[in-house]
């Protein structure tokens, strides 16, 4: 039996006074190779982090993926999970950075 993630998200973030100083977003299991979500990073970097911005980076990160349908989920499901998990991981990273 194999055990693979449906979607994997890794974020490292540094912030000062709620402003993103630097961020890196990595996505796994949503393309043929690991995705470095550079466009999502660009949107967040240098801006005050709020819920709207977190939703936006989730949307952009999902657009940087190219998932396939498989036994772990459809491509659409995986894109939706990227949206949710990127925003959630960034929120948690911000809390840890504060």
Protein backbone atom coordinates (compact mmCIF):
# COMPACT_ATOMS: atom_id res chain seq x y z
CA UNK A 1 0.00 0.00 0.00
CA UNK A 2 1.23 3.47 -0.85
CA UNK A 3 0.61 6.60 1.17
CA UNK A 4 0.93 9.86 -0.79
CA UNK A 5 -0.35 13.32 0.04
CA UNK A 6 -3.29 14.57 -1.98
CA UNK A 7 -1.84 18.09 -1.72
CA UNK A 8 1.23 19.28 0.14
CA UNK A 9 1.93 22.90 1.10
CA UNK A 10 5.05 24.32 2.74
CA UNK A 11 5.46 28.00 3.59
CA UNK A 12 8.18 29.95 5.27
CA UNK A 13 7.38 33.55 6.08
CA UNK A 14 8.99 36.44 7.90
CA UNK A 15 6.99 39.49 8.89
CA UNK A 16 7.37 42.66 10.91
CA UNK A 17 4.34 44.51 12.28
CA UNK A 18 2.05 42.40 10.08
CA UNK A 19 3.93 43.23 6.88
CA UNK A 20 5.39 40.32 4.93
CA UNK A 21 9.14 40.82 4.56
CA UNK A 22 9.85 37.53 2.79
CA UNK A 23 7.95 34.38 1.87
CA UNK A 24 8.51 31.09 0.08
CA UNK A 25 5.67 28.80 -1.02
CA UNK A 26 6.21 25.20 -2.11
CA UNK A 27 3.46 22.90 -3.38
CA UNK A 28 3.61 19.13 -3.75
CA UNK A 29 1.39 16.55 -5.49
CA UNK A 30 -0.23 19.19 -7.73
CA UNK A 31 2.00 18.94 -10.80
CA UNK A 32 4.57 16.60 -12.29
CA UNK A 33 7.23 18.20 -10.06
CA UNK A 34 7.23 20.29 -6.91
CA UNK A 35 5.89 23.79 -7.60
CA UNK A 36 7.60 26.94 -6.34
CA UNK A 37 4.63 29.35 -6.30
CA UNK A 38 6.55 32.50 -7.21
CA UNK A 39 3.55 34.56 -8.32
CA UNK A 40 1.80 33.93 -5.00
CA UNK A 41 4.96 34.99 -3.18
CA UNK A 42 5.18 38.23 -5.17
CA UNK A 43 1.63 39.18 -4.21
CA UNK A 44 2.30 38.75 -0.49
CA UNK A 45 5.83 40.15 -0.22
CA UNK A 46 5.93 43.72 1.13
CA UNK A 47 2.23 43.90 1.94
CA UNK A 48 0.20 43.97 5.13
CA UNK A 49 -1.20 40.50 5.61
CA UNK A 50 -4.97 40.21 5.99
CA UNK A 51 -7.63 37.62 5.21
CA UNK A 52 -8.36 39.04 1.75
CA UNK A 53 -4.70 38.91 0.78
CA UNK A 54 -4.40 35.34 2.09
CA UNK A 55 -7.38 34.28 -0.03
CA UNK A 56 -5.79 35.99 -3.01
CA UNK A 57 -2.46 34.17 -2.66
CA UNK A 58 -4.35 30.88 -2.36
CA UNK A 59 -6.14 31.61 -5.63
CA UNK A 60 -2.91 32.60 -7.38
CA UNK A 61 -1.03 29.57 -6.03
CA UNK A 62 -3.81 27.29 -7.30
CA UNK A 63 -3.37 28.85 -10.73
CA UNK A 64 0.31 27.90 -10.66
CA UNK A 65 -0.53 24.20 -10.39
CA UNK A 66 -1.23 21.56 -13.01
CA UNK A 67 -2.75 18.64 -11.08
CA UNK A 68 -4.12 15.47 -12.61
CA UNK A 69 -7.12 13.38 -11.66
CA UNK A 70 -6.07 10.28 -9.74
CA UNK A 71 -7.25 8.02 -6.93
CA UNK A 72 -6.45 10.76 -4.36
CA UNK A 73 -8.77 13.32 -5.95
CA UNK A 74 -9.76 15.23 -9.04
CA UNK A 75 -7.66 18.07 -10.43
CA UNK A 76 -10.40 20.54 -9.44
CA UNK A 77 -10.45 19.21 -5.87
CA UNK A 78 -6.67 19.55 -5.61
CA UNK A 79 -6.79 23.17 -6.85
CA UNK A 80 -9.45 23.96 -4.24
CA UNK A 81 -7.30 22.35 -1.55
CA UNK A 82 -4.32 24.50 -2.62
CA UNK A 83 -6.46 27.63 -2.15
CA UNK A 84 -7.47 26.61 1.36
CA UNK A 85 -4.17 25.16 2.52
CA UNK A 86 -1.96 28.00 1.24
CA UNK A 87 -4.09 30.59 3.05
CA UNK A 88 -4.18 28.47 6.21
CA UNK A 89 -0.43 27.77 6.19
CA UNK A 90 0.38 31.46 5.62
CA UNK A 91 -1.90 32.48 8.49
CA UNK A 92 -0.19 29.98 10.79
CA UNK A 93 3.27 31.08 9.63
CA UNK A 94 2.35 34.71 10.36
CA UNK A 95 1.20 33.79 13.87
CA UNK A 96 4.49 32.01 14.50
CA UNK A 97 6.49 34.93 13.11
CA UNK A 98 4.74 37.42 15.42
